[in-house]
Protein backbone atom coordinates (compact mmCIF):
# COMPACT_ATOMS: atom_id res chain seq x y z
CA MET A 1 -12.62 34.48 22.23
CA ALA A 2 -11.31 32.93 19.02
CA ASP A 3 -13.83 30.98 16.98
CA LEU A 4 -12.07 27.66 16.50
CA LYS A 5 -15.22 26.01 15.13
CA ALA A 6 -15.11 28.51 12.27
CA LEU A 7 -11.44 27.58 11.75
CA ALA A 8 -12.34 23.88 11.64
CA ASN A 9 -15.08 24.72 9.10
CA ALA A 10 -12.64 26.71 6.95
CA VAL A 11 -10.40 23.62 6.83
CA ILE A 12 -13.37 21.36 6.00
CA LYS A 13 -14.40 23.72 3.18
CA GLY A 14 -10.82 24.10 2.00
CA ASP A 15 -10.93 27.90 2.33
CA GLN A 16 -7.22 28.72 2.57
CA ALA A 17 -7.55 32.47 3.07
CA GLU A 18 -10.13 32.05 5.84
CA ALA A 19 -8.11 29.28 7.56
CA VAL A 20 -5.01 31.50 7.59
CA ARG A 21 -6.96 34.56 8.76
CA LEU A 22 -8.68 32.70 11.62
CA THR A 23 -5.44 31.02 12.73
CA GLN A 24 -3.68 34.39 12.89
CA GLN A 25 -6.66 35.95 14.66
CA ALA A 26 -6.75 33.18 17.28
CA LEU A 27 -3.02 33.59 17.97
CA ASP A 28 -3.36 37.40 18.12
CA GLU A 29 -6.11 36.97 20.71
CA GLY A 30 -3.81 34.87 22.83
CA THR A 31 -5.32 31.43 22.19
CA ALA A 32 -2.79 28.68 23.00
CA PRO A 33 -1.19 27.30 19.80
CA LYS A 34 -1.97 23.73 20.91
CA GLN A 35 -5.66 24.65 21.29
CA VAL A 36 -5.69 26.21 17.81
CA LEU A 37 -4.14 23.02 16.45
CA ASP A 38 -6.43 20.58 18.29
CA GLU A 39 -9.78 22.39 18.19
CA GLY A 40 -9.28 24.12 14.83
CA LEU A 41 -7.02 22.36 12.34
CA ILE A 42 -7.07 18.77 13.66
CA ALA A 43 -10.81 18.94 14.40
CA GLY A 44 -11.41 20.05 10.81
CA MET A 45 -9.18 17.39 9.26
CA ASN A 46 -10.82 14.72 11.45
CA VAL A 47 -14.20 15.55 9.92
CA VAL A 48 -12.67 15.42 6.42
CA GLY A 49 -11.12 12.02 7.26
CA VAL A 50 -14.45 10.61 8.47
CA ARG A 51 -16.27 11.91 5.38
CA PHE A 52 -13.56 10.54 3.10
CA LYS A 53 -13.88 7.08 4.67
CA ALA A 54 -17.65 7.24 4.21
CA ASN A 55 -17.22 8.21 0.53
CA GLU A 56 -18.96 11.54 1.18
CA VAL A 57 -15.95 13.45 -0.15
CA TYR A 58 -13.23 12.37 -2.57
CA ILE A 59 -9.50 12.90 -3.00
CA PRO A 60 -9.75 16.34 -4.70
CA GLU A 61 -11.77 17.74 -1.78
CA VAL A 62 -9.42 16.16 0.76
CA LEU A 63 -6.43 17.72 -1.00
CA ILE A 64 -8.10 21.16 -0.95
CA SER A 65 -8.80 20.82 2.79
CA ALA A 66 -5.27 19.56 3.43
CA ARG A 67 -3.84 22.56 1.57
CA ALA A 68 -5.88 24.95 3.69
CA MET A 69 -4.58 23.19 6.80
CA LYS A 70 -1.02 23.34 5.46
CA MET A 71 -1.21 27.12 4.90
CA ALA A 72 -2.55 27.62 8.43
CA MET A 73 0.15 25.29 9.82
CA GLU A 74 2.84 27.54 8.35
CA ILE A 75 1.69 30.28 10.74
CA LEU A 76 1.07 27.91 13.63
CA GLU A 77 4.18 25.73 13.52
CA PRO A 78 6.68 28.34 14.82
CA GLU A 79 4.23 29.15 17.63
CA LEU A 80 3.89 25.45 18.55
CA VAL A 81 7.67 25.10 18.64
CA ALA A 82 8.03 28.27 20.73
CA ALA A 83 5.39 26.96 23.14
CA GLY A 84 7.28 23.67 23.43
CA VAL A 85 4.41 21.61 22.05
CA ASP A 86 5.77 18.22 21.05
CA PRO A 87 4.39 16.37 18.03
CA ILE A 88 2.60 13.13 18.96
CA GLY A 89 5.13 11.09 16.96
CA LYS A 90 7.69 11.13 14.15
CA ALA A 91 6.84 9.54 10.80
CA LEU A 92 8.80 9.07 7.58
CA ILE A 93 6.73 8.59 4.42
CA GLY A 94 8.00 7.81 0.93
CA THR A 95 7.21 6.12 -2.37
CA VAL A 96 9.43 3.08 -2.90
CA GLN A 97 12.22 2.63 -5.42
CA GLY A 98 11.14 2.58 -9.06
CA ASP A 99 7.83 4.31 -8.38
CA LEU A 100 7.21 8.00 -9.09
CA HIS A 101 3.60 8.30 -7.92
CA ASP A 102 3.04 10.78 -5.14
CA ILE A 103 -0.62 11.84 -4.83
CA GLY A 104 -1.45 9.11 -2.30
CA LYS A 105 1.80 9.70 -0.43
CA ASN A 106 1.22 13.47 -0.31
CA LEU A 107 -2.26 12.92 1.04
CA VAL A 108 -0.96 10.67 3.84
CA VAL A 109 1.79 13.19 4.67
CA MET A 110 -0.73 16.05 4.91
CA MET A 111 -3.25 14.06 6.94
CA LEU A 112 -0.59 12.81 9.38
CA LYS A 113 0.57 16.41 9.86
CA GLY A 114 -3.06 17.33 10.38
CA ALA A 115 -3.24 14.73 13.15
CA GLY A 116 -0.27 16.22 15.01
CA PHE A 117 2.60 14.10 13.69
CA ASN A 118 6.02 15.44 12.77
CA VAL A 119 6.34 14.06 9.22
CA GLU A 120 9.39 13.78 6.99
CA ASP A 121 8.47 13.36 3.33
CA ALA A 122 11.17 11.20 1.73
CA GLY A 123 9.80 11.83 -1.77
CA VAL A 124 9.48 9.28 -4.57
CA ASP A 125 11.74 6.52 -5.93
CA VAL A 126 13.33 6.04 -2.49
CA SER A 127 15.82 3.19 -2.24
CA PRO A 128 15.85 0.78 0.74
CA ASP A 129 19.26 2.23 1.76
CA ALA A 130 17.88 5.76 1.73
CA PHE A 131 14.94 4.75 3.93
CA VAL A 132 17.29 3.13 6.45
CA GLU A 133 19.60 6.19 6.51
CA LYS A 134 16.67 8.56 7.07
CA ILE A 135 15.24 6.38 9.85
CA LYS A 136 18.63 6.28 11.60
CA SER A 137 19.24 10.01 11.36
CA GLY A 138 15.72 11.14 12.18
CA ASN A 139 14.66 9.19 15.28
CA VAL A 140 11.67 7.87 13.31
CA GLN A 141 8.94 5.79 15.01
CA ILE A 142 6.69 5.08 12.03
CA VAL A 143 7.61 4.46 8.40
CA GLY A 144 5.06 4.57 5.58
CA LEU A 145 5.87 2.91 2.26
CA SER A 146 3.76 3.71 -0.79
CA ALA A 147 3.59 1.98 -4.18
CA LEU A 148 1.16 2.34 -7.06
CA LEU A 149 2.70 -0.12 -9.49
CA THR A 150 2.60 -3.90 -9.03
CA THR A 151 6.17 -3.94 -10.39
CA THR A 152 7.45 -1.84 -7.48
CA MET A 153 5.78 -3.80 -4.68
CA SER A 154 8.89 -5.97 -4.32
CA ALA A 155 10.80 -2.82 -3.31
CA MET A 156 8.55 -2.69 -0.22
CA ASP A 157 9.66 -6.20 0.70
CA LYS A 158 13.36 -5.29 0.25
CA THR A 159 12.96 -2.08 2.25
CA ILE A 160 11.29 -3.86 5.17
CA GLN A 161 13.96 -6.59 5.15
CA MET A 162 16.69 -3.97 5.28
CA ILE A 163 14.97 -2.04 8.10
CA ARG A 164 14.64 -5.27 10.13
CA GLU A 165 18.24 -6.33 9.41
CA SER A 166 19.43 -2.92 10.62
CA GLY A 167 17.71 -3.60 13.95
CA LEU A 168 15.64 -0.41 13.77
CA ALA A 169 12.67 -0.49 16.13
CA CYS A 170 10.17 1.40 14.00
CA LYS A 171 6.72 0.35 12.86
CA VAL A 172 6.24 -0.01 9.11
CA MET A 173 2.92 0.53 7.35
CA ILE A 174 2.31 0.11 3.64
CA GLY A 175 -0.31 1.36 1.21
CA GLY A 176 -1.12 1.95 -2.44
CA ALA A 177 -3.50 0.65 -5.07
CA PRO A 178 -2.00 -2.84 -5.64
CA VAL A 179 -1.24 -3.48 -1.95
CA THR A 180 -3.38 -5.66 0.33
CA GLN A 181 -3.44 -6.77 3.97
CA ASN A 182 -2.29 -10.22 2.79
CA TYR A 183 0.74 -8.71 1.10
CA ALA A 184 1.52 -6.67 4.23
CA ASP A 185 1.42 -9.87 6.32
CA LYS A 186 3.55 -11.73 3.79
CA ILE A 187 6.40 -9.17 3.77
CA GLY A 188 6.30 -8.53 7.52
CA ALA A 189 4.84 -5.02 7.55
CA ASP A 190 3.25 -3.94 10.85
CA GLY A 191 0.15 -2.71 9.10
CA TYR A 192 -1.70 -1.85 5.90
CA ALA A 193 -3.90 1.16 5.20
CA PRO A 194 -6.35 1.25 2.27
CA ASP A 195 -6.56 5.06 2.33
CA ALA A 196 -5.05 8.17 3.92
CA ALA A 197 -7.62 8.46 6.71
CA SER A 198 -7.00 4.83 7.72
CA ALA A 199 -3.24 5.48 7.61
CA VAL A 200 -3.69 8.14 10.30
CA ASP A 201 -5.69 5.75 12.52
CA LEU A 202 -3.08 3.04 12.01
CA ALA A 203 -0.18 5.37 12.80
CA LYS A 204 -1.91 6.52 16.00
CA SER A 205 -2.50 2.90 17.03
CA PHE A 206 1.26 2.27 16.79
CA LEU A 207 1.96 4.94 19.41
CA ASN A 208 0.04 3.19 22.17
């Protein structure tokens, strides 16, 4: 029987080679892809998320764990698709127009994938129009807007206005160093997340 606890531990430690090896081994032994995802990769990333929130680990460690998960996901994803396992939701994440920062965004993308979401990474410096187009074409339920500069926060406001005017029924969450819950309320966002682990909890809460 595949040792999915060891796989979760490999993700927690950020051991890419071991995470890939154990994922392949579990699949070779006939473990269901969904079980490998839930009890191995997601279980591992959940622990990382809890530790990150408690300030027991920091962004560099989270990124190393997320990379290990990403490498294992490359083996697992085709198997999940073949098995007809649906993602729990579709999210679109991007850094708003005028802003080129992507570490926070990348972390949210990786942690959402680690929680079972299908995630489209829109990249950086994304215009309100581009967000709306991607939402329309991608059947997106949750949109995440990131900004690190106070000067680009207004682009969040414009993007949310344009999404609402287009009549798109998606939930919008915002995050980034200068952003607060007050600002989220002011511009009509559905939620605010102070960090990547909280963004995952928030996104899950939108699905219910």
